[in-house]
Protein backbone atom coordinates (compact mmCIF):
# COMPACT_ATOMS: atom_id res chain seq x y z
CA UNK A 1 -0.03 0.08 -0.03
CA UNK A 2 1.18 3.50 -0.75
CA UNK A 3 2.11 5.85 1.97
CA UNK A 4 -0.02 8.97 2.13
CA UNK A 5 1.33 12.41 2.80
CA UNK A 6 0.48 16.03 3.39
CA UNK A 7 2.71 19.07 3.61
CA UNK A 8 2.45 21.94 6.10
CA UNK A 9 4.34 25.21 6.21
CA UNK A 10 4.15 27.58 9.19
CA UNK A 11 5.66 31.18 9.00
CA UNK A 12 6.34 33.53 11.89
CA UNK A 13 5.29 33.18 15.60
CA UNK A 14 2.50 31.28 17.14
CA UNK A 15 -0.12 34.14 17.42
CA UNK A 16 0.87 36.31 14.41
CA UNK A 17 1.80 33.33 12.23
CA UNK A 18 -0.01 31.72 9.24
CA UNK A 19 0.23 28.20 8.07
CA UNK A 20 -0.77 26.38 4.82
CA UNK A 21 -1.55 22.65 4.42
CA UNK A 22 -1.80 20.72 1.24
CA UNK A 23 -2.72 17.12 0.78
CA UNK A 24 -0.43 15.01 -1.38
CA UNK A 25 -3.19 14.02 -3.70
CA UNK A 26 -4.01 17.70 -4.21
CA UNK A 27 -7.59 17.12 -3.22
CA UNK A 28 -7.48 19.82 -0.57
CA UNK A 29 -5.26 22.66 0.54
CA UNK A 30 -5.98 25.51 2.96
CA UNK A 31 -4.72 28.04 5.41
CA UNK A 32 -4.54 27.68 9.17
CA UNK A 33 -3.64 30.09 11.95
CA UNK A 34 -3.82 30.60 15.73
CA UNK A 35 -7.19 32.12 15.23
CA UNK A 36 -8.58 29.17 13.07
CA UNK A 37 -7.26 26.67 15.71
CA UNK A 38 -8.07 28.40 18.99
CA UNK A 39 -10.84 30.71 18.06
CA UNK A 40 -13.52 30.67 15.42
CA UNK A 41 -11.94 32.35 12.39
CA UNK A 42 -12.44 30.86 8.83
CA UNK A 43 -9.87 28.32 7.82
CA UNK A 44 -8.93 24.85 8.89
CA UNK A 45 -6.88 23.40 11.65
CA UNK A 46 -5.16 20.14 12.48
CA UNK A 47 -8.00 18.87 14.71
CA UNK A 48 -10.50 19.49 11.91
CA UNK A 49 -8.34 17.47 9.47
CA UNK A 50 -8.12 14.63 12.16
CA UNK A 51 -11.87 14.71 12.40
CA UNK A 52 -12.29 14.41 8.55
CA UNK A 53 -9.89 11.53 8.46
CA UNK A 54 -11.58 9.70 11.30
CA UNK A 55 -15.14 10.27 10.00
CA UNK A 56 -14.02 8.92 6.50
CA UNK A 57 -12.15 5.91 7.85
CA UNK A 58 -14.95 4.93 10.28
CA UNK A 59 -17.64 5.34 7.63
CA UNK A 60 -15.77 3.05 5.27
CA UNK A 61 -14.94 0.46 7.95
CA UNK A 62 -18.64 0.29 9.08
CA UNK A 63 -19.80 -0.12 5.46
CA UNK A 64 -17.20 -2.87 4.97
CA UNK A 65 -18.28 -4.74 8.14
CA UNK A 66 -22.05 -4.48 7.33
CA UNK A 67 -21.39 -5.62 3.77
CA UNK A 68 -19.34 -8.60 5.00
CA UNK A 69 -22.26 -9.60 7.40
CA UNK A 70 -24.75 -9.55 4.54
CA UNK A 71 -26.20 -6.05 5.15
CA UNK A 72 -25.07 -3.77 2.33
CA UNK A 73 -25.68 -0.23 3.53
CA UNK A 74 -27.31 2.43 1.38
CA UNK A 75 -25.68 5.28 3.39
CA UNK A 76 -23.45 5.82 6.26
CA UNK A 77 -23.11 9.40 7.49
CA UNK A 78 -20.61 10.16 10.22
CA UNK A 79 -19.58 13.30 12.04
CA UNK A 80 -16.42 13.26 14.08
CA UNK A 81 -15.82 15.99 16.63
CA UNK A 82 -12.24 16.38 17.89
CA UNK A 83 -12.02 18.17 21.27
CA UNK A 84 -8.90 20.28 21.95
CA UNK A 85 -8.44 21.34 25.54
CA UNK A 86 -5.84 22.97 27.75
CA UNK A 87 -4.33 21.16 30.59
CA UNK A 88 -1.55 21.77 33.02
CA UNK A 89 1.01 20.71 30.40
CA UNK A 90 -0.41 22.62 27.53
CA UNK A 91 -2.98 21.52 24.92
CA UNK A 92 -4.20 18.11 24.13
CA UNK A 93 -6.89 16.28 22.33
CA UNK A 94 -9.01 15.07 25.17
CA UNK A 95 -11.72 13.07 23.34
CA UNK A 96 -13.24 12.30 19.99
CA UNK A 97 -17.00 11.84 19.45
CA UNK A 98 -18.24 9.77 16.46
CA UNK A 99 -21.81 10.26 15.57
CA UNK A 100 -22.94 8.00 12.81
CA UNK A 101 -26.35 7.29 11.14
CA UNK A 102 -26.77 4.35 8.81
CA UNK A 103 -29.43 3.43 6.23
CA UNK A 104 -29.13 -0.39 6.18
CA UNK A 105 -31.89 -2.43 4.80
CA UNK A 106 -32.81 -5.60 6.68
CA UNK A 107 -30.81 -5.08 9.93
CA UNK A 108 -31.98 -4.46 13.36
CA UNK A 109 -30.74 -1.85 15.73
CA UNK A 110 -28.75 -4.19 17.91
CA UNK A 111 -26.86 -5.71 15.06
CA UNK A 112 -26.12 -2.09 13.74
CA UNK A 113 -24.77 -1.26 17.15
CA UNK A 114 -22.52 -4.20 17.23
CA UNK A 115 -21.23 -3.50 13.60
CA UNK A 116 -20.54 0.17 14.60
CA UNK A 117 -18.57 -0.90 17.74
CA UNK A 118 -16.50 -3.18 15.70
CA UNK A 119 -15.83 -0.49 13.08
CA UNK A 120 -14.76 1.89 15.89
CA UNK A 121 -12.28 -0.73 17.21
CA UNK A 122 -10.98 -1.83 13.82
CA UNK A 123 -10.72 1.42 11.80
CA UNK A 124 -7.09 2.23 11.20
CA UNK A 125 -7.54 5.88 12.23
CA UNK A 126 -9.34 4.75 15.56
CA UNK A 127 -6.30 2.52 16.04
CA UNK A 128 -3.85 5.40 15.51
CA UNK A 129 -5.79 7.58 17.91
CA UNK A 130 -5.99 4.80 20.63
CA UNK A 131 -4.52 7.10 23.32
CA UNK A 132 -7.68 9.39 23.05
CA UNK A 133 -11.04 8.35 24.41
CA UNK A 134 -13.34 7.75 21.47
CA UNK A 135 -17.14 7.96 22.10
CA UNK A 136 -19.64 6.44 19.60
CA UNK A 137 -23.27 7.25 19.02
CA UNK A 138 -24.79 5.06 16.32
CA UNK A 139 -28.33 5.43 14.98
CA UNK A 140 -30.03 3.26 12.48
CA UNK A 141 -32.31 5.43 10.26
CA UNK A 142 -35.77 4.13 9.73
C-alpha cells in the first residue's frame, strides 16, 4: 500500500503566524492560523483534519463490516468531533466523538450497534488515535 502524505508550512510566531496545508493528492489545501485553531476564524486546523480522516475511515470500516455480514448499507453518514483542551502541560486532544447514522436495509438496531462498535475498534484511524477516548453514538435510520 502506498504511504499517504500531506505538507504543512508555518511562518512567523504562534499568534501572528500563518500556516498552509496541502494534501499530497491535491484534493485539498488550505490555510490555518492561531485564530482558526483556538478561536472561530475561517480556515482549517489540525483537529478538523483529524476529524475528517476519522469520519471517513470509520464510515468505510462500518460499510465494509456491514456488507461482509450480509447487510449492504445504502448510506453511512458520520460526524467526528475532535475536542482540543488546555491542561496543566499545554494543549491536548481530550476526546473524539463519532456520531453516525446508517441506512441499512434488513438489519436491526442491535446488529447495527455491534457493527458500529467493531468498526470503531477496527478502523485504522481509530487504532492510530487509541490514546484518546473515542465515544460512539450510532443510529439506524428508519
